[in-house]
N, C-alpha and C. Protein backbone atom coordinates (compact mmCIF):
# COMPACT_ATOMS: atom_id res chain seq x y z
N MET A 1 60.74 94.12 137.54
CA MET A 1 60.90 95.38 136.49
C MET A 1 62.28 96.27 137.11
N SER A 2 63.56 96.32 136.69
CA SER A 2 63.92 97.09 137.20
C SER A 2 63.69 98.81 136.49
N GLU A 3 64.40 100.07 137.29
CA GLU A 3 64.30 101.22 136.86
C GLU A 3 65.64 102.09 136.73
N SER A 4 65.80 102.58 135.58
CA SER A 4 67.11 103.28 135.66
C SER A 4 66.64 104.83 136.73
N GLY A 5 67.53 105.45 136.32
CA GLY A 5 67.88 106.97 137.27
C GLY A 5 66.52 108.20 136.79
N ASP A 6 66.07 107.31 134.98
CA ASP A 6 65.22 108.40 134.84
C ASP A 6 63.61 107.86 134.68
N GLY A 7 63.36 106.64 135.83
CA GLY A 7 62.17 106.50 135.72
C GLY A 7 61.82 105.65 134.79
N VAL A 8 62.39 105.53 133.84
CA VAL A 8 62.14 104.20 132.80
C VAL A 8 62.26 102.94 132.82
N ALA A 9 61.68 101.94 132.86
CA ALA A 9 61.93 100.52 133.07
C ALA A 9 63.33 100.53 132.25
N VAL A 10 64.39 99.68 132.57
CA VAL A 10 65.77 98.98 131.93
C VAL A 10 65.11 98.65 130.28
N GLU A 11 64.15 97.16 131.00
CA GLU A 11 63.72 96.77 129.62
C GLU A 11 63.28 97.73 128.90
N SER A 12 62.23 98.25 128.46
CA SER A 12 61.32 99.15 127.93
C SER A 12 62.49 100.22 126.85
N ARG A 13 63.71 100.32 127.34
CA ARG A 13 64.64 101.39 126.87
C ARG A 13 65.11 100.92 125.23
N GLY A 14 64.98 99.57 124.50
CA GLY A 14 65.18 99.48 123.63
C GLY A 14 67.25 98.80 123.77
N SER A 15 68.17 98.76 122.38
CA SER A 15 68.89 98.01 122.01
C SER A 15 69.73 98.93 121.30
N LEU A 16 70.87 98.31 121.63
CA LEU A 16 72.29 98.86 121.20
C LEU A 16 72.59 97.94 119.88
N ASN A 17 72.47 98.42 118.51
CA ASN A 17 73.22 97.54 117.43
C ASN A 17 74.42 97.75 117.26
N VAL A 18 75.52 97.03 117.27
CA VAL A 18 76.87 97.78 117.36
C VAL A 18 77.30 97.05 115.56
N ARG A 19 77.87 97.24 114.58
CA ARG A 19 77.94 96.97 113.64
C ARG A 19 79.60 96.37 113.80
N ALA A 20 79.87 95.36 113.04
CA ALA A 20 81.54 94.72 113.12
C ALA A 20 82.32 95.87 112.55
N GLN A 21 81.75 96.94 111.64
CA GLN A 21 83.01 97.60 111.25
C GLN A 21 83.35 98.73 112.12
N ALA A 22 82.31 99.00 113.17
CA ALA A 22 82.49 100.26 114.44
C ALA A 22 83.66 99.18 115.67
N LEU A 23 82.93 98.52 116.04
CA LEU A 23 83.70 97.26 116.73
C LEU A 23 85.16 96.72 116.31
N GLN A 24 85.00 97.29 115.07
CA GLN A 24 86.64 96.43 114.19
C GLN A 24 87.78 97.97 115.02
N HIS A 25 86.67 98.91 114.66
CA HIS A 25 87.58 100.10 114.56
C HIS A 25 87.88 100.57 116.28
N ILE A 26 86.91 100.07 117.04
CA ILE A 26 87.29 100.30 118.53
C ILE A 26 87.92 99.64 119.21
N VAL A 27 88.29 98.48 118.69
CA VAL A 27 88.84 97.13 118.99
C VAL A 27 90.82 97.55 118.71
N GLU A 28 90.88 98.10 117.40
CA GLU A 28 91.90 98.63 116.58
C GLU A 28 92.26 99.83 117.87
N THR A 29 91.39 100.33 117.76
CA THR A 29 92.11 101.74 118.55
C THR A 29 92.36 101.51 120.41
N VAL A 30 91.70 100.61 120.82
CA VAL A 30 92.30 100.16 121.93
C VAL A 30 93.32 99.51 122.52
N ALA A 31 93.51 98.37 121.33
CA ALA A 31 95.31 97.80 121.14
C ALA A 31 95.84 99.00 121.61
N LEU A 32 95.64 100.01 120.56
CA LEU A 32 96.97 100.86 120.57
C LEU A 32 97.21 101.86 121.96
N GLU A 33 96.62 101.35 123.10
CA GLU A 33 96.65 101.92 124.19
C GLU A 33 97.84 101.04 125.63
N VAL A 34 97.69 99.98 124.56
CA VAL A 34 98.54 98.37 125.31
C VAL A 34 99.94 99.16 125.70
N PRO A 35 100.73 99.23 126.73
CA PRO A 35 102.44 99.84 126.37
C PRO A 35 103.23 98.30 125.57
N GLY A 36 104.16 99.04 124.63
CA GLY A 36 104.45 97.99 123.63
C GLY A 36 104.15 97.90 122.32
N VAL A 37 102.92 98.07 122.68
CA VAL A 37 101.96 98.01 120.92
C VAL A 37 102.44 99.25 119.88
N HIS A 38 102.65 99.46 118.99
CA HIS A 38 103.10 100.04 118.30
C HIS A 38 101.96 99.86 116.81
N ARG A 39 101.80 101.17 116.25
CA ARG A 39 101.57 101.71 115.32
C ARG A 39 102.19 101.34 113.72
N LEU A 40 101.94 100.11 112.76
CA LEU A 40 102.23 100.51 111.91
C LEU A 40 101.89 101.48 110.92
N ASP A 41 101.69 101.94 109.86
CA ASP A 41 101.29 102.36 109.01
C ASP A 41 101.30 101.76 107.56
N GLY A 42 100.13 101.35 106.61
CA GLY A 42 100.49 100.79 105.18
C GLY A 42 99.15 100.49 104.42
N ALA A 43 99.22 100.46 103.22
CA ALA A 43 98.65 100.29 102.20
C ALA A 43 98.53 100.32 100.82
N LEU A 44 98.38 99.77 100.48
CA LEU A 44 98.55 98.88 98.93
C LEU A 44 97.27 98.70 98.34
N GLY A 45 96.91 99.80 96.93
CA GLY A 45 95.73 99.89 96.47
C GLY A 45 94.69 100.03 97.26
N GLY A 46 94.68 100.57 98.39
CA GLY A 46 93.80 101.41 99.08
C GLY A 46 93.12 100.08 99.95
N VAL A 47 94.03 99.37 99.81
CA VAL A 47 93.56 98.00 101.46
C VAL A 47 94.59 98.22 102.01
N ARG A 48 93.89 98.68 103.36
CA ARG A 48 94.96 98.77 104.91
C ARG A 48 95.62 97.23 104.75
N SER A 49 96.65 97.59 105.09
CA SER A 49 97.84 96.84 105.12
C SER A 49 98.25 96.93 106.70
N GLY A 50 97.93 97.90 107.51
CA GLY A 50 99.12 98.55 108.82
C GLY A 50 98.45 97.70 110.13
N SER A 51 99.29 98.32 111.07
CA SER A 51 98.57 97.28 112.22
C SER A 51 98.67 98.68 113.21
N PRO A 52 97.40 98.25 114.59
CA PRO A 52 97.05 97.15 114.64
C PRO A 52 95.77 96.46 113.61
N ARG A 53 95.18 95.52 113.48
CA ARG A 53 94.31 95.09 112.21
C ARG A 53 93.85 94.19 112.81
N ALA A 54 91.97 94.61 112.85
CA ALA A 54 91.09 93.29 113.41
C ALA A 54 90.21 93.05 112.56
N SER A 55 90.22 92.00 112.63
CA SER A 55 88.79 90.62 111.72
C SER A 55 87.69 90.23 112.91
N VAL A 56 86.58 90.92 112.82
CA VAL A 56 85.33 90.81 113.89
C VAL A 56 84.33 90.24 113.28
N ARG A 57 83.68 89.12 113.93
CA ARG A 57 82.19 88.77 113.92
C ARG A 57 81.58 88.84 114.71
N VAL A 58 80.38 89.77 114.88
CA VAL A 58 79.04 89.74 115.44
C VAL A 58 78.19 89.18 115.03
N ARG A 59 77.60 88.78 116.40
CA ARG A 59 76.20 87.67 116.69
C ARG A 59 75.31 88.45 117.84
N GLY A 60 74.79 89.15 117.14
CA GLY A 60 73.79 89.76 118.41
C GLY A 60 74.51 90.54 119.36
N THR A 61 74.30 90.15 120.40
CA THR A 61 75.27 91.37 121.70
C THR A 61 76.73 90.43 121.96
N THR A 62 77.22 89.90 120.87
CA THR A 62 78.86 88.68 121.27
C THR A 62 79.46 88.69 119.61
N ALA A 63 80.83 88.72 120.19
CA ALA A 63 81.52 89.00 118.94
C ALA A 63 82.81 88.06 119.76
N ARG A 64 83.51 87.53 118.46
CA ARG A 64 84.92 87.02 118.12
C ARG A 64 85.59 87.94 117.32
N VAL A 65 86.94 87.90 118.03
CA VAL A 65 88.02 89.16 117.78
C VAL A 65 89.22 88.17 117.09
N GLN A 66 89.76 88.53 115.92
CA GLN A 66 91.17 88.54 115.43
C GLN A 66 91.67 89.89 115.30
N LEU A 67 92.94 89.53 116.16
CA LEU A 67 93.61 91.13 116.01
C LEU A 67 95.10 90.52 116.15
N GLU A 68 96.11 91.65 114.88
CA GLU A 68 97.08 91.56 114.55
C GLU A 68 97.80 93.21 115.14
N VAL A 69 98.31 92.92 116.58
CA VAL A 69 99.55 94.39 116.72
C VAL A 69 101.29 94.10 116.33
N ALA A 70 101.71 94.96 116.16
CA ALA A 70 102.89 94.72 116.42
C ALA A 70 103.78 95.62 117.80
N CYS A 71 104.74 95.13 117.73
CA CYS A 71 105.60 95.46 118.44
C CYS A 71 106.89 96.25 118.38
N ARG A 72 107.72 96.71 118.76
CA ARG A 72 109.65 96.88 118.62
C ARG A 72 110.50 95.66 119.23
N TRP A 73 111.22 95.19 118.69
CA TRP A 73 112.25 94.13 118.86
C TRP A 73 113.40 94.91 119.97
N PRO A 74 113.73 94.46 120.78
CA PRO A 74 113.07 93.20 121.61
C PRO A 74 112.47 93.50 122.51
N ALA A 75 110.93 92.83 122.26
CA ALA A 75 109.58 93.01 123.43
C ALA A 75 109.61 91.57 123.78
N PRO A 76 109.06 91.52 125.17
CA PRO A 76 108.26 90.58 125.53
C PRO A 76 107.30 90.00 125.21
N VAL A 77 107.43 89.48 123.79
CA VAL A 77 105.63 89.37 123.18
C VAL A 77 104.74 88.39 123.65
N THR A 78 105.23 87.60 124.35
CA THR A 78 104.22 86.92 125.19
C THR A 78 103.41 87.86 126.34
N ARG A 79 103.79 88.94 126.89
CA ARG A 79 103.63 89.68 127.68
C ARG A 79 102.40 90.46 126.99
N VAL A 80 103.31 90.79 125.84
CA VAL A 80 102.24 91.89 124.91
C VAL A 80 100.85 91.40 124.48
N ALA A 81 100.83 90.19 124.45
CA ALA A 81 100.21 89.66 123.65
C ALA A 81 98.77 89.27 125.00
N ALA A 82 99.59 88.83 126.01
CA ALA A 82 98.29 88.61 127.21
C ALA A 82 97.68 90.02 127.83
N ASP A 83 98.36 90.74 127.67
CA ASP A 83 98.13 92.29 127.83
C ASP A 83 97.01 92.69 127.10
N VAL A 84 97.28 92.34 125.75
CA VAL A 84 96.90 93.37 124.32
C VAL A 84 95.10 92.27 124.87
N ARG A 85 95.05 91.03 124.85
CA ARG A 85 93.45 90.48 125.21
C ARG A 85 93.07 90.64 126.29
N SER A 86 93.76 90.71 127.31
CA SER A 86 93.11 90.90 128.77
C SER A 86 92.36 92.38 128.82
N HIS A 87 93.51 93.95 128.00
CA HIS A 87 93.05 95.38 127.78
C HIS A 87 91.48 95.31 126.85
N VAL A 88 91.70 94.29 125.66
CA VAL A 88 90.47 94.34 124.86
C VAL A 88 89.27 94.14 125.40
N LEU A 89 90.18 92.92 126.03
CA LEU A 89 88.04 92.17 126.11
C LEU A 89 87.87 92.94 127.20
N ASP A 90 88.11 93.59 128.36
CA ASP A 90 87.75 94.67 128.88
C ASP A 90 86.97 95.94 128.17
N ARG A 91 87.70 97.12 127.97
CA ARG A 91 87.83 98.11 127.26
C ARG A 91 86.58 98.39 126.33
N ALA A 92 86.93 97.19 124.89
CA ALA A 92 86.07 97.30 123.83
C ALA A 92 84.67 96.84 124.61
N SER A 93 84.67 95.98 125.17
CA SER A 93 83.20 95.51 125.30
C SER A 93 82.67 96.55 126.42
N GLU A 94 83.56 97.50 127.19
CA GLU A 94 82.65 98.51 127.83
C GLU A 94 82.37 99.72 127.40
N LEU A 95 82.93 99.61 126.22
CA LEU A 95 83.03 101.19 124.86
C LEU A 95 81.98 100.89 124.22
N SER A 96 81.77 99.50 123.46
CA SER A 96 80.56 99.21 123.03
C SER A 96 79.64 98.81 123.28
N GLY A 97 79.37 97.93 124.62
CA GLY A 97 78.44 97.40 124.86
C GLY A 97 77.97 95.84 124.18
N VAL A 98 79.04 95.37 123.61
CA VAL A 98 79.21 93.93 122.91
C VAL A 98 80.45 93.13 123.93
N ARG A 99 79.63 91.96 124.33
CA ARG A 99 80.65 90.92 124.90
C ARG A 99 81.40 89.96 123.87
N LEU A 100 82.49 90.28 124.18
CA LEU A 100 83.72 89.46 123.46
C LEU A 100 83.92 88.04 123.96
N ALA A 101 83.96 87.09 122.91
CA ALA A 101 83.63 85.46 123.37
C ALA A 101 84.92 85.50 123.18
N SER A 102 85.76 85.63 122.26
CA SER A 102 87.00 85.59 122.20
C SER A 102 88.06 86.61 121.74
N VAL A 103 89.16 86.69 122.04
CA VAL A 103 89.90 87.60 121.31
C VAL A 103 91.13 86.93 120.97
N ASP A 104 91.57 86.78 120.22
CA ASP A 104 92.72 85.79 119.26
C ASP A 104 93.93 86.92 119.01
N VAL A 105 94.99 87.48 119.47
CA VAL A 105 96.20 88.03 119.23
C VAL A 105 97.09 87.11 118.35
N THR A 106 97.88 88.00 117.63
CA THR A 106 98.87 87.72 117.11
C THR A 106 99.98 88.89 116.94
N VAL A 107 101.28 88.55 117.21
CA VAL A 107 102.44 89.57 117.54
C VAL A 107 103.42 89.46 116.36
N ARG A 108 103.48 90.86 115.45
CA ARG A 108 104.23 90.72 114.74
C ARG A 108 105.76 92.06 115.36
N LEU A 109 106.93 91.33 114.87
CA LEU A 109 107.96 92.17 116.24
C LEU A 109 108.04 93.01 114.70
N ALA A 110 108.08 94.60 114.81
CA ALA A 110 108.97 95.52 113.90
C ALA A 110 109.92 96.30 113.90
N GLY A 111 110.37 96.23 113.37
CA GLY A 111 111.71 96.99 113.35
C GLY A 111 113.35 96.28 113.15
N ILE A 112 113.00 94.70 113.13
CA ILE A 112 113.72 94.15 112.71
C ILE A 112 114.70 94.27 111.43
N ASP A 113 114.37 94.98 110.47
CA ASP A 113 115.07 95.18 109.36
C ASP A 113 116.05 96.58 109.30
N ASP A 114 115.56 97.34 110.02
CA ASP A 114 116.12 98.04 110.30
C ASP A 114 117.44 98.09 111.71
N ARG A 115 117.65 97.03 111.95
CA ARG A 115 119.27 96.78 113.08
C ARG A 115 120.08 96.01 111.79
N ARG A 116 119.50 95.63 110.85
CA ARG A 116 120.66 94.66 109.74
C ARG A 116 121.54 95.67 109.13
N THR A 117 122.92 95.32 109.16
CA THR A 117 123.49 95.88 108.57
C THR A 117 124.04 95.31 107.37
N SER A 118 124.62 96.25 106.46
CA SER A 118 125.48 95.46 104.95
C SER A 118 126.26 94.65 104.95
């Protein structure tokens, strides 16, 4: 049995129970830390429709994440998706204590309509 710095056995300190909604918020916030990811605000009848938007399923200390992010055109979409996946896996796990088994990322391009001409 190992002990923490305060002399209490690590095994007897208890456990952390992270709710899916809290993890969802962490994942969405962490995704915004990645260069190239932009926040898109939106709501329709009180339902969030902006980006980033995550769907999280938690089982015990493991979770699966589906995440949608937005980036501006032109953007290296493949690199943005890989960077988001890697950063969310590391940082969200570190902040929440929940091991992320998978992070599936969908990238939407934003700003294309702004470039159209009449």
